[in-house]
PDB file of N, CA and C in Angstrom:
ATOM      1  N   MET A   1      48.129 -55.164  34.414  1.00  0.00           N
ATOM      2  CA  MET A   1      48.740 -55.666  33.182  1.00  0.00           C
ATOM      3  C   MET A   1      47.879 -56.755  32.533  1.00  0.00           C
ATOM      4  N   ALA A   2      47.316 -57.665  33.358  1.00  0.00           N
ATOM      5  CA  ALA A   2      46.505 -58.749  32.801  1.00  0.00           C
ATOM      6  C   ALA A   2      45.337 -58.199  31.999  1.00  0.00           C
ATOM      7  N   GLN A   3      44.711 -57.155  32.516  1.00  0.00           N
ATOM      8  CA  GLN A   3      43.593 -56.526  31.812  1.00  0.00           C
ATOM      9  C   GLN A   3      44.053 -56.001  30.457  1.00  0.00           C
ATOM     10  N   ASP A   4      45.202 -55.361  30.436  1.00  0.00           N
ATOM     11  CA  ASP A   4      45.732 -54.835  29.181  1.00  0.00           C
ATOM     12  C   ASP A   4      45.957 -55.950  28.169  1.00  0.00           C
ATOM     13  N   VAL A   5      46.534 -57.062  28.605  1.00  0.00           N
ATOM     14  CA  VAL A   5      46.783 -58.177  27.701  1.00  0.00           C
ATOM     15  C   VAL A   5      45.462 -58.746  27.199  1.00  0.00           C
ATOM     16  N   GLU A   6      44.497 -58.895  28.092  1.00  0.00           N
ATOM     17  CA  GLU A   6      43.191 -59.410  27.669  1.00  0.00           C
ATOM     18  C   GLU A   6      42.554 -58.503  26.620  1.00  0.00           C
ATOM     19  N   GLU A   7      42.623 -57.211  26.843  1.00  0.00           N
ATOM     20  CA  GLU A   7      42.054 -56.268  25.882  1.00  0.00           C
ATOM     21  C   GLU A   7      42.809 -56.315  24.555  1.00  0.00           C
ATOM     22  N   LEU A   8      44.120 -56.363  24.625  1.00  0.00           N
ATOM     23  CA  LEU A   8      44.919 -56.393  23.402  1.00  0.00           C
ATOM     24  C   LEU A   8      44.696 -57.682  22.617  1.00  0.00           C
ATOM     25  N   VAL A   9      44.638 -58.809  23.304  1.00  0.00           N
ATOM     26  CA  VAL A   9      44.443 -60.069  22.581  1.00  0.00           C
ATOM     27  C   VAL A   9      43.036 -60.136  21.991  1.00  0.00           C
ATOM     28  N   ALA A  10      42.061 -59.530  22.645  1.00  0.00           N
ATOM     29  CA  ALA A  10      40.710 -59.460  22.066  1.00  0.00           C
ATOM     30  C   ALA A  10      40.731 -58.616  20.791  1.00  0.00           C
ATOM     31  N   GLN A  11      41.445 -57.494  20.825  1.00  0.00           N
ATOM     32  CA  GLN A  11      41.582 -56.663  19.627  1.00  0.00           C
ATOM     33  C   GLN A  11      42.337 -57.414  18.535  1.00  0.00           C
ATOM     34  N   TYR A  12      43.421 -58.082  18.916  1.00  0.00           N
ATOM     35  CA  TYR A  12      44.234 -58.880  17.989  1.00  0.00           C
ATOM     36  C   TYR A  12      43.338 -59.857  17.233  1.00  0.00           C
ATOM     37  N   ARG A  13      42.525 -60.624  17.984  1.00  0.00           N
ATOM     38  CA  ARG A  13      41.653 -61.616  17.375  1.00  0.00           C
ATOM     39  C   ARG A  13      40.589 -60.950  16.508  1.00  0.00           C
ATOM     40  N   ASP A  14      39.957 -59.912  17.033  1.00  0.00           N
ATOM     41  CA  ASP A  14      38.900 -59.228  16.302  1.00  0.00           C
ATOM     42  C   ASP A  14      39.409 -58.684  14.963  1.00  0.00           C
ATOM     43  N   LEU A  15      40.587 -58.112  14.968  1.00  0.00           N
ATOM     44  CA  LEU A  15      41.159 -57.589  13.726  1.00  0.00           C
ATOM     45  C   LEU A  15      41.383 -58.695  12.701  1.00  0.00           C
ATOM     46  N   LEU A  16      41.806 -59.857  13.161  1.00  0.00           N
ATOM     47  CA  LEU A  16      42.020 -60.982  12.244  1.00  0.00           C
ATOM     48  C   LEU A  16      40.707 -61.491  11.660  1.00  0.00           C
ATOM     49  N   VAL A  17      39.675 -61.546  12.485  1.00  0.00           N
ATOM     50  CA  VAL A  17      38.364 -61.973  11.985  1.00  0.00           C
ATOM     51  C   VAL A  17      37.844 -60.964  10.968  1.00  0.00           C
ATOM     52  N   GLN A  18      37.954 -59.678  11.309  1.00  0.00           N
ATOM     53  CA  GLN A  18      37.522 -58.639  10.370  1.00  0.00           C
ATOM     54  C   GLN A  18      38.287 -58.745   9.057  1.00  0.00           C
ATOM     55  N   ARG A  19      39.604 -58.936   9.174  1.00  0.00           N
ATOM     56  CA  ARG A  19      40.441 -59.016   7.966  1.00  0.00           C
ATOM     57  C   ARG A  19      40.014 -60.193   7.089  1.00  0.00           C
ATOM     58  N   SER A  20      39.692 -61.316   7.704  1.00  0.00           N
ATOM     59  CA  SER A  20      39.294 -62.482   6.912  1.00  0.00           C
ATOM     60  C   SER A  20      37.996 -62.220   6.146  1.00  0.00           C
ATOM     61  N   MET A  21      37.178 -61.325   6.648  1.00  0.00           N
ATOM     62  CA  MET A  21      35.917 -60.995   5.976  1.00  0.00           C
ATOM     63  C   MET A  21      36.090 -59.879   4.943  1.00  0.00           C
ATOM     64  N   GLU A  22      37.244 -59.266   4.908  1.00  0.00           N
ATOM     65  CA  GLU A  22      37.496 -58.143   3.996  1.00  0.00           C
ATOM     66  C   GLU A  22      38.476 -58.506   2.876  1.00  0.00           C
ATOM     67  N   SER A  23      38.635 -59.779   2.604  1.00  0.00           N
ATOM     68  CA  SER A  23      39.619 -60.193   1.602  1.00  0.00           C
ATOM     69  C   SER A  23      39.337 -59.620   0.216  1.00  0.00           C
ATOM     70  N   ALA A  24      38.090 -59.302  -0.065  1.00  0.00           N
ATOM     71  CA  ALA A  24      37.747 -58.733  -1.370  1.00  0.00           C
ATOM     72  C   ALA A  24      38.063 -57.238  -1.444  1.00  0.00           C
ATOM     73  N   ARG A  25      38.432 -56.656  -0.318  1.00  0.00           N
ATOM     74  CA  ARG A  25      38.779 -55.230  -0.268  1.00  0.00           C
ATOM     75  C   ARG A  25      40.194 -55.089   0.292  1.00  0.00           C
ATOM     76  N   PRO A  26      41.202 -55.269  -0.552  1.00  0.00           N
ATOM     77  CA  PRO A  26      42.592 -55.299  -0.086  1.00  0.00           C
ATOM     78  C   PRO A  26      43.022 -54.076   0.723  1.00  0.00           C
ATOM     79  N   SER A  27      42.575 -52.901   0.357  1.00  0.00           N
ATOM     80  CA  SER A  27      43.020 -51.718   1.099  1.00  0.00           C
ATOM     81  C   SER A  27      42.519 -51.761   2.543  1.00  0.00           C
ATOM     82  N   VAL A  28      41.316 -52.249   2.751  1.00  0.00           N
ATOM     83  CA  VAL A  28      40.770 -52.389   4.103  1.00  0.00           C
ATOM     84  C   VAL A  28      41.493 -53.525   4.831  1.00  0.00           C
ATOM     85  N   ALA A  29      41.631 -54.661   4.154  1.00  0.00           N
ATOM     86  CA  ALA A  29      42.298 -55.818   4.756  1.00  0.00           C
ATOM     87  C   ALA A  29      43.728 -55.484   5.166  1.00  0.00           C
ATOM     88  N   ASN A  30      44.424 -54.730   4.348  1.00  0.00           N
ATOM     89  CA  ASN A  30      45.811 -54.367   4.665  1.00  0.00           C
ATOM     90  C   ASN A  30      45.896 -53.470   5.890  1.00  0.00           C
ATOM     91  N   LYS A  31      44.961 -52.555   6.044  1.00  0.00           N
ATOM     92  CA  LYS A  31      44.948 -51.692   7.234  1.00  0.00           C
ATOM     93  C   LYS A  31      44.683 -52.508   8.492  1.00  0.00           C
ATOM     94  N   LEU A  32      43.770 -53.451   8.394  1.00  0.00           N
ATOM     95  CA  LEU A  32      43.486 -54.329   9.528  1.00  0.00           C
ATOM     96  C   LEU A  32      44.703 -55.175   9.874  1.00  0.00           C
ATOM     97  N   PHE A  33      45.392 -55.670   8.849  1.00  0.00           N
ATOM     98  CA  PHE A  33      46.609 -56.455   9.051  1.00  0.00           C
ATOM     99  C   PHE A  33      47.676 -55.626   9.761  1.00  0.00           C
ATOM    100  N   ASP A  34      47.864 -54.398   9.328  1.00  0.00           N
ATOM    101  CA  ASP A  34      48.868 -53.530   9.948  1.00  0.00           C
ATOM    102  C   ASP A  34      48.540 -53.264  11.413  1.00  0.00           C
ATOM    103  N   ARG A  35      47.267 -53.041  11.714  1.00  0.00           N
ATOM    104  CA  ARG A  35      46.863 -52.817  13.106  1.00  0.00           C
ATOM    105  C   ARG A  35      47.099 -54.074  13.938  1.00  0.00           C
ATOM    106  N   ASN A  36      46.778 -55.234  13.373  1.00  0.00           N
ATOM    107  CA  ASN A  36      47.027 -56.489  14.074  1.00  0.00           C
ATOM    108  C   ASN A  36      48.505 -56.682  14.340  1.00  0.00           C
ATOM    109  N   HIS A  37      49.326 -56.380  13.358  1.00  0.00           N
ATOM    110  CA  HIS A  37      50.766 -56.558  13.512  1.00  0.00           C
ATOM    111  C   HIS A  37      51.319 -55.652  14.618  1.00  0.00           C
ATOM    112  N   ALA A  38      50.809 -54.446  14.701  1.00  0.00           N
ATOM    113  CA  ALA A  38      51.249 -53.527  15.755  1.00  0.00           C
ATOM    114  C   ALA A  38      50.894 -54.081  17.138  1.00  0.00           C
ATOM    115  N   ILE A  39      49.708 -54.671  17.266  1.00  0.00           N
ATOM    116  CA  ILE A  39      49.322 -55.274  18.545  1.00  0.00           C
ATOM    117  C   ILE A  39      50.186 -56.486  18.839  1.00  0.00           C
ATOM    118  N   HIS A  40      50.467 -57.283  17.825  1.00  0.00           N
ATOM    119  CA  HIS A  40      51.368 -58.437  17.993  1.00  0.00           C
ATOM    120  C   HIS A  40      52.706 -58.009  18.580  1.00  0.00           C
ATOM    121  N   LYS A  41      53.246 -56.919  18.077  1.00  0.00           N
ATOM    122  CA  LYS A  41      54.554 -56.458  18.547  1.00  0.00           C
ATOM    123  C   LYS A  41      54.518 -56.031  20.015  1.00  0.00           C
ATOM    124  N   ILE A  42      53.375 -55.546  20.486  1.00  0.00           N
ATOM    125  CA  ILE A  42      53.231 -55.208  21.903  1.00  0.00           C
ATOM    126  C   ILE A  42      53.089 -56.489  22.725  1.00  0.00           C
ATOM    127  N   LEU A  43      52.214 -57.386  22.294  1.00  0.00           N
ATOM    128  CA  LEU A  43      51.961 -58.614  23.046  1.00  0.00           C
ATOM    129  C   LEU A  43      53.190 -59.505  23.158  1.00  0.00           C
ATOM    130  N   ARG A  44      53.989 -59.556  22.140  1.00  0.00           N
ATOM    131  CA  ARG A  44      55.144 -60.466  22.159  1.00  0.00           C
ATOM    132  C   ARG A  44      56.215 -60.058  23.171  1.00  0.00           C
ATOM    133  N   GLU A  45      56.100 -58.868  23.715  1.00  0.00           N
ATOM    134  CA  GLU A  45      57.099 -58.378  24.667  1.00  0.00           C
ATOM    135  C   GLU A  45      56.966 -58.975  26.058  1.00  0.00           C
ATOM    136  N   SER A  46      55.836 -59.609  26.357  1.00  0.00           N
ATOM    137  CA  SER A  46      55.668 -60.193  27.693  1.00  0.00           C
ATOM    138  C   SER A  46      55.336 -61.679  27.582  1.00  0.00           C
ATOM    139  N   ASP A  47      55.673 -62.426  28.634  1.00  0.00           N
ATOM    140  CA  ASP A  47      55.318 -63.846  28.665  1.00  0.00           C
ATOM    141  C   ASP A  47      53.806 -64.022  28.558  1.00  0.00           C
ATOM    142  N   GLU A  48      53.076 -63.188  29.255  1.00  0.00           N
ATOM    143  CA  GLU A  48      51.616 -63.265  29.240  1.00  0.00           C
ATOM    144  C   GLU A  48      51.065 -62.995  27.831  1.00  0.00           C
ATOM    145  N   GLY A  49      51.625 -62.019  27.162  1.00  0.00           N
ATOM    146  CA  GLY A  49      51.198 -61.710  25.806  1.00  0.00           C
ATOM    147  C   GLY A  49      51.519 -62.831  24.837  1.00  0.00           C
ATOM    148  N   ARG A  50      52.709 -63.408  24.978  1.00  0.00           N
ATOM    149  CA  ARG A  50      53.080 -64.533  24.115  1.00  0.00           C
ATOM    150  C   ARG A  50      52.164 -65.727  24.356  1.00  0.00           C
ATOM    151  N   ARG A  51      51.859 -66.003  25.624  1.00  0.00           N
ATOM    152  CA  ARG A  51      50.942 -67.114  25.928  1.00  0.00           C
ATOM    153  C   ARG A  51      49.556 -66.852  25.330  1.00  0.00           C
ATOM    154  N   ALA A  52      49.116 -65.614  25.385  1.00  0.00           N
ATOM    155  CA  ALA A  52      47.798 -65.270  24.834  1.00  0.00           C
ATOM    156  C   ALA A  52      47.759 -65.493  23.326  1.00  0.00           C
ATOM    157  N   ILE A  53      48.797 -65.061  22.641  1.00  0.00           N
ATOM    158  CA  ILE A  53      48.858 -65.297  21.192  1.00  0.00           C
ATOM    159  C   ILE A  53      48.911 -66.792  20.900  1.00  0.00           C
ATOM    160  N   SER A  54      49.769 -67.507  21.602  1.00  0.00           N
ATOM    161  CA  SER A  54      49.893 -68.953  21.385  1.00  0.00           C
ATOM    162  C   SER A  54      48.564 -69.662  21.629  1.00  0.00           C
ATOM    163  N   GLY A  55      47.800 -69.200  22.613  1.00  0.00           N
ATOM    164  CA  GLY A  55      46.508 -69.802  22.899  1.00  0.00           C
ATOM    165  C   GLY A  55      45.532 -69.699  21.741  1.00  0.00           C
ATOM    166  N   LEU A  56      45.710 -68.701  20.907  1.00  0.00           N
ATOM    167  CA  LEU A  56      44.828 -68.526  19.754  1.00  0.00           C
ATOM    168  C   LEU A  56      45.118 -69.530  18.629  1.00  0.00           C
ATOM    169  N   MET A  57      46.167 -70.324  18.767  1.00  0.00           N
ATOM    170  CA  MET A  57      46.430 -71.351  17.757  1.00  0.00           C
ATOM    171  C   MET A  57      45.350 -72.430  17.779  1.00  0.00           C
ATOM    172  N   ASP A  58      44.494 -72.425  18.822  1.00  0.00           N
ATOM    173  CA  ASP A  58      43.376 -73.371  18.922  1.00  0.00           C
ATOM    174  C   ASP A  58      42.041 -72.725  18.560  1.00  0.00           C
ATOM    175  N   ASP A  59      42.064 -71.531  18.036  1.00  0.00           N
ATOM    176  CA  ASP A  59      40.837 -70.800  17.730  1.00  0.00           C
ATOM    177  C   ASP A  59      40.008 -71.531  16.669  1.00  0.00           C
ATOM    178  N   ASP A  60      38.717 -71.246  16.660  1.00  0.00           N
ATOM    179  CA  ASP A  60      37.811 -71.846  15.670  1.00  0.00           C
ATOM    180  C   ASP A  60      37.959 -71.247  14.278  1.00  0.00           C
ATOM    181  N   VAL A  61      38.515 -70.044  14.202  1.00  0.00           N
ATOM    182  CA  VAL A  61      38.654 -69.341  12.929  1.00  0.00           C
ATOM    183  C   VAL A  61      40.067 -69.595  12.377  1.00  0.00           C
ATOM    184  N   ASP A  62      40.135 -70.193  11.194  1.00  0.00           N
ATOM    185  CA  ASP A  62      41.444 -70.543  10.618  1.00  0.00           C
ATOM    186  C   ASP A  62      42.351 -69.333  10.430  1.00  0.00           C
ATOM    187  N   ALA A  63      41.786 -68.199  10.072  1.00  0.00           N
ATOM    188  CA  ALA A  63      42.617 -67.001   9.890  1.00  0.00           C
ATOM    189  C   ALA A  63      43.268 -66.578  11.203  1.00  0.00           C
ATOM    190  N   VAL A  64      42.584 -66.773  12.308  1.00  0.00           N
ATOM    191  CA  VAL A  64      43.142 -66.463  13.630  1.00  0.00           C
ATOM    192  C   VAL A  64      44.220 -67.486  13.967  1.00  0.00           C
ATOM    193  N   ARG A  65      43.928 -68.753  13.753  1.00  0.00           N
ATOM    194  CA  ARG A  65      44.926 -69.811  14.003  1.00  0.00           C
ATOM    195  C   ARG A  65      46.192 -69.562  13.190  1.00  0.00           C
ATOM    196  N   LEU A  66      46.014 -69.195  11.932  1.00  0.00           N
ATOM    197  CA  LEU A  66      47.151 -68.950  11.049  1.00  0.00           C
ATOM    198  C   LEU A  66      48.041 -67.838  11.591  1.00  0.00           C
ATOM    199  N   ALA A  67      47.460 -66.687  11.877  1.00  0.00           N
ATOM    200  CA  ALA A  67      48.260 -65.560  12.355  1.00  0.00           C
ATOM    201  C   ALA A  67      48.910 -65.872  13.701  1.00  0.00           C
ATOM    202  N   ALA A  68      48.155 -66.508  14.596  1.00  0.00           N
ATOM    203  CA  ALA A  68      48.729 -66.859  15.896  1.00  0.00           C
ATOM    204  C   ALA A  68      49.908 -67.813  15.727  1.00  0.00           C
ATOM    205  N   ALA A  69      49.774 -68.772  14.833  1.00  0.00           N
ATOM    206  CA  ALA A  69      50.880 -69.712  14.598  1.00  0.00           C
ATOM    207  C   ALA A  69      52.087 -69.005  13.982  1.00  0.00           C
ATOM    208  N   VAL A  70      51.833 -68.137  13.027  1.00  0.00           N
ATOM    209  CA  VAL A  70      52.942 -67.389  12.415  1.00  0.00           C
ATOM    210  C   VAL A  70      53.688 -66.604  13.490  1.00  0.00           C
ATOM    211  N   HIS A  71      52.954 -65.903  14.334  1.00  0.00           N
ATOM    212  CA  HIS A  71      53.597 -65.102  15.368  1.00  0.00           C
ATOM    213  C   HIS A  71      54.275 -65.974  16.421  1.00  0.00           C
ATOM    214  N   THR A  72      53.704 -67.127  16.707  1.00  0.00           N
ATOM    215  CA  THR A  72      54.269 -68.035  17.715  1.00  0.00           C
ATOM    216  C   THR A  72      55.560 -68.689  17.236  1.00  0.00           C
ATOM    217  N   LEU A  73      55.804 -68.683  15.945  1.00  0.00           N
ATOM    218  CA  LEU A  73      57.079 -69.224  15.444  1.00  0.00           C
ATOM    219  C   LEU A  73      58.271 -68.601  16.158  1.00  0.00           C
ATOM    220  N   GLN A  74      58.129 -67.371  16.622  1.00  0.00           N
ATOM    221  CA  GLN A  74      59.236 -66.657  17.256  1.00  0.00           C
ATOM    222  C   GLN A  74      59.639 -67.262  18.596  1.00  0.00           C
ATOM    223  N   TRP A  75      58.713 -67.866  19.326  1.00  0.00           N
ATOM    224  CA  TRP A  75      59.059 -68.363  20.666  1.00  0.00           C
ATOM    225  C   TRP A  75      58.711 -69.833  20.894  1.00  0.00           C
ATOM    226  N   ASP A  76      57.891 -70.430  20.042  1.00  0.00           N
ATOM    227  CA  ASP A  76      57.578 -71.856  20.170  1.00  0.00           C
ATOM    228  C   ASP A  76      57.422 -72.453  18.775  1.00  0.00           C
ATOM    229  N   PRO A  77      58.536 -72.554  18.061  1.00  0.00           N
ATOM    230  CA  PRO A  77      58.448 -72.982  16.664  1.00  0.00           C
ATOM    231  C   PRO A  77      57.891 -74.390  16.470  1.00  0.00           C
ATOM    232  N   VAL A  78      58.138 -75.298  17.394  1.00  0.00           N
ATOM    233  CA  VAL A  78      57.650 -76.668  17.218  1.00  0.00           C
ATOM    234  C   VAL A  78      56.119 -76.686  17.205  1.00  0.00           C
ATOM    235  N   ALA A  79      55.506 -76.059  18.184  1.00  0.00           N
ATOM    236  CA  ALA A  79      54.037 -76.018  18.244  1.00  0.00           C
ATOM    237  C   ALA A  79      53.473 -75.239  17.064  1.00  0.00           C
ATOM    238  N   ALA A  80      54.097 -74.123  16.735  1.00  0.00           N
ATOM    239  CA  ALA A  80      53.603 -73.289  15.637  1.00  0.00           C
ATOM    240  C   ALA A  80      53.685 -74.020  14.301  1.00  0.00           C
ATOM    241  N   GLU A  81      54.778 -74.711  14.060  1.00  0.00           N
ATOM    242  CA  GLU A  81      54.903 -75.455  12.802  1.00  0.00           C
ATOM    243  C   GLU A  81      53.835 -76.537  12.691  1.00  0.00           C
ATOM    244  N   ARG A  82      53.512 -77.201  13.801  1.00  0.00           N
ATOM    245  CA  ARG A  82      52.460 -78.228  13.766  1.00  0.00           C
ATOM    246  C   ARG A  82      51.123 -77.618  13.346  1.00  0.00           C
ATOM    247  N   VAL A  83      50.799 -76.460  13.894  1.00  0.00           N
ATOM    248  CA  VAL A  83      49.541 -75.799  13.543  1.00  0.00           C
ATOM    249  C   VAL A  83      49.554 -75.374  12.079  1.00  0.00           C
ATOM    250  N   LEU A  84      50.664 -74.794  11.638  1.00  0.00           N
ATOM    251  CA  LEU A  84      50.758 -74.380  10.229  1.00  0.00           C
ATOM    252  C   LEU A  84      50.662 -75.577   9.289  1.00  0.00           C
ATOM    253  N   GLU A  85      51.272 -76.685   9.661  1.00  0.00           N
ATOM    254  CA  GLU A  85      51.187 -77.893   8.842  1.00  0.00           C
ATOM    255  C   GLU A  85      49.744 -78.402   8.776  1.00  0.00           C
ATOM    256  N   ASP A  86      49.026 -78.307   9.886  1.00  0.00           N
ATOM    257  CA  ASP A  86      47.621 -78.709   9.904  1.00  0.00           C
ATOM    258  C   ASP A  86      46.791 -77.801   9.007  1.00  0.00           C
ATOM    259  N   ILE A  87      46.981 -76.508   9.132  1.00  0.00           N
ATOM    260  CA  ILE A  87      46.231 -75.551   8.307  1.00  0.00           C
ATOM    261  C   ILE A  87      46.553 -75.761   6.829  1.00  0.00           C
ATOM    262  N   GLU A  88      47.792 -76.049   6.542  1.00  0.00           N
ATOM    263  CA  GLU A  88      48.256 -76.236   5.161  1.00  0.00           C
ATOM    264  C   GLU A  88      47.489 -77.350   4.442  1.00  0.00           C
ATOM    265  N   THR A  89      47.014 -78.335   5.181  1.00  0.00           N
ATOM    266  CA  THR A  89      46.307 -79.464   4.559  1.00  0.00           C
ATOM    267  C   THR A  89      44.849 -79.142   4.247  1.00  0.00           C
ATOM    268  N   GLY A  90      44.376 -77.995   4.700  1.00  0.00           N
ATOM    269  CA  GLY A  90      42.977 -77.620   4.485  1.00  0.00           C
ATOM    270  C   GLY A  90      42.784 -76.863   3.189  1.00  0.00           C
ATOM    271  N   PRO A  91      41.572 -76.359   3.026  1.00  0.00           N
ATOM    272  CA  PRO A  91      41.234 -75.636   1.798  1.00  0.00           C
ATOM    273  C   PRO A  91      41.496 -74.140   1.907  1.00  0.00           C
ATOM    274  N   GLY A  92      41.491 -73.495   0.766  1.00  0.00           N
ATOM    275  CA  GLY A  92      41.438 -72.041   0.704  1.00  0.00           C
ATOM    276  C   GLY A  92      42.751 -71.308   0.848  1.00  0.00           C
ATOM    277  N   LEU A  93      42.586 -70.008   0.953  1.00  0.00           N
ATOM    278  CA  LEU A  93      43.725 -69.097   1.022  1.00  0.00           C
ATOM    279  C   LEU A  93      44.560 -69.288   2.277  1.00  0.00           C
ATOM    280  N   VAL A  94      43.921 -69.629   3.401  1.00  0.00           N
ATOM    281  CA  VAL A  94      44.707 -69.824   4.622  1.00  0.00           C
ATOM    282  C   VAL A  94      45.670 -70.998   4.454  1.00  0.00           C
ATOM    283  N   ALA A  95      45.267 -72.031   3.747  1.00  0.00           N
ATOM    284  CA  ALA A  95      46.156 -73.170   3.489  1.00  0.00           C
ATOM    285  C   ALA A  95      47.345 -72.736   2.639  1.00  0.00           C
ATOM    286  N   PHE A  96      47.068 -71.946   1.624  1.00  0.00           N
ATOM    287  CA  PHE A  96      48.124 -71.407   0.767  1.00  0.00           C
ATOM    288  C   PHE A  96      49.083 -70.544   1.585  1.00  0.00           C
ATOM    289  N   ASP A  97      48.532 -69.664   2.435  1.00  0.00           N
ATOM    290  CA  ASP A  97      49.362 -68.807   3.287  1.00  0.00           C
ATOM    291  C   ASP A  97      50.214 -69.632   4.249  1.00  0.00           C
ATOM    292  N   ALA A  98      49.623 -70.669   4.824  1.00  0.00           N
ATOM    293  CA  ALA A  98      50.371 -71.527   5.746  1.00  0.00           C
ATOM    294  C   ALA A  98      51.535 -72.207   5.028  1.00  0.00           C
ATOM    295  N   LYS A  99      51.275 -72.710   3.837  1.00  0.00           N
ATOM    296  CA  LYS A  99      52.310 -73.381   3.049  1.00  0.00           C
ATOM    297  C   LYS A  99      53.488 -72.448   2.790  1.00  0.00           C
ATOM    298  N   TRP A 100      53.202 -71.231   2.336  1.00  0.00           N
ATOM    299  CA  TRP A 100      54.274 -70.308   1.989  1.00  0.00           C
ATOM    300  C   TRP A 100      54.957 -69.718   3.219  1.00  0.00           C
ATOM    301  N   THR A 101      54.206 -69.570   4.291  1.00  0.00           N
ATOM    302  CA  THR A 101      54.818 -69.116   5.534  1.00  0.00           C
ATOM    303  C   THR A 101      55.827 -70.145   6.016  1.00  0.00           C
ATOM    304  N   LEU A 102      55.431 -71.408   6.019  1.00  0.00           N
ATOM    305  CA  LEU A 102      56.356 -72.468   6.430  1.00  0.00           C
ATOM    306  C   LEU A 102      57.597 -72.488   5.543  1.00  0.00           C
ATOM    307  N   ARG A 103      57.399 -72.351   4.261  1.00  0.00           N
ATOM    308  CA  ARG A 103      58.530 -72.360   3.333  1.00  0.00           C
ATOM    309  C   ARG A 103      59.483 -71.200   3.631  1.00  0.00           C
ATOM    310  N   GLU A 104      58.942 -70.013   3.782  1.00  0.00           N
ATOM    311  CA  GLU A 104      59.779 -68.839   4.072  1.00  0.00           C
ATOM    312  C   GLU A 104      60.474 -68.968   5.434  1.00  0.00           C
ATOM    313  N   TYR A 105      59.750 -69.470   6.418  1.00  0.00           N
ATOM    314  CA  TYR A 105      60.334 -69.660   7.752  1.00  0.00           C
ATOM    315  C   TYR A 105      61.486 -70.669   7.703  1.00  0.00           C
ATOM    316  N   ARG A 106      61.249 -71.781   7.061  1.00  0.00           N
ATOM    317  CA  ARG A 106      62.274 -72.843   7.005  1.00  0.00           C
ATOM    318  C   ARG A 106      63.466 -72.442   6.148  1.00  0.00           C
ATOM    319  N   ASP A 107      63.242 -71.536   5.212  1.00  0.00           N
ATOM    320  CA  ASP A 107      64.354 -71.013   4.407  1.00  0.00           C
ATOM    321  C   ASP A 107      65.071 -69.847   5.089  1.00  0.00           C
ATOM    322  N   GLY A 108      64.572 -69.439   6.258  1.00  0.00           N
ATOM    323  CA  GLY A 108      65.196 -68.341   6.997  1.00  0.00           C
ATOM    324  C   GLY A 108      64.841 -66.952   6.484  1.00  0.00           C
ATOM    325  N   ASN A 109      63.749 -66.846   5.753  1.00  0.00           N
ATOM    326  CA  ASN A 109      63.375 -65.575   5.138  1.00  0.00           C
ATOM    327  C   ASN A 109      62.187 -64.873   5.777  1.00  0.00           C
ATOM    328  N   LEU A 110      61.630 -65.422   6.852  1.00  0.00           N
ATOM    329  CA  LEU A 110      60.451 -64.822   7.468  1.00  0.00           C
ATOM    330  C   LEU A 110      60.875 -63.759   8.461  1.00  0.00           C
ATOM    331  N   ASN A 111      60.429 -62.540   8.225  1.00  0.00           N
ATOM    332  CA  ASN A 111      60.777 -61.403   9.102  1.00  0.00           C
ATOM    333  C   ASN A 111      59.496 -60.837   9.694  1.00  0.00           C
ATOM    334  N   LEU A 112      59.369 -60.924  11.002  1.00  0.00           N
ATOM    335  CA  LEU A 112      58.187 -60.397  11.685  1.00  0.00           C
ATOM    336  C   LEU A 112      58.516 -59.122  12.462  1.00  0.00           C
ATOM    337  N   ASP A 113      59.644 -58.546  12.195  1.00  0.00           N
ATOM    338  CA  ASP A 113      60.093 -57.362  12.938  1.00  0.00           C
ATOM    339  C   ASP A 113      59.884 -56.051  12.214  1.00  0.00           C
ATOM    340  N   TRP A 114      59.153 -56.028  11.152  1.00  0.00           N
ATOM    341  CA  TRP A 114      58.940 -54.765  10.428  1.00  0.00           C
ATOM    342  C   TRP A 114      58.005 -53.872  11.185  1.00  0.00           C
TER     343      TRP A 114
END
């Protein structure tokens, strides 16, 4: 099982990095996002998978930190909100995404179960 989680979290991260580089090509970025979301749904089912996602909140790539924090809201909202608040103070699209994610989450409108 550990090997599976390691492989899945590597794919999870890789897809997020790829997606961040494909922002100018929405159709490609959206496919990468969908694949990442499918892996997230598998990883969140185990404690090991959740820990692996949460660990990515310290990643060097802001897009990875953002997605990991968004997904971690489901099981560790205090830590995830801190990361999103930190990202929100930075530049660029990830800051904008963090701001709106926090707003939707705090308003009770964030759905990660699609």
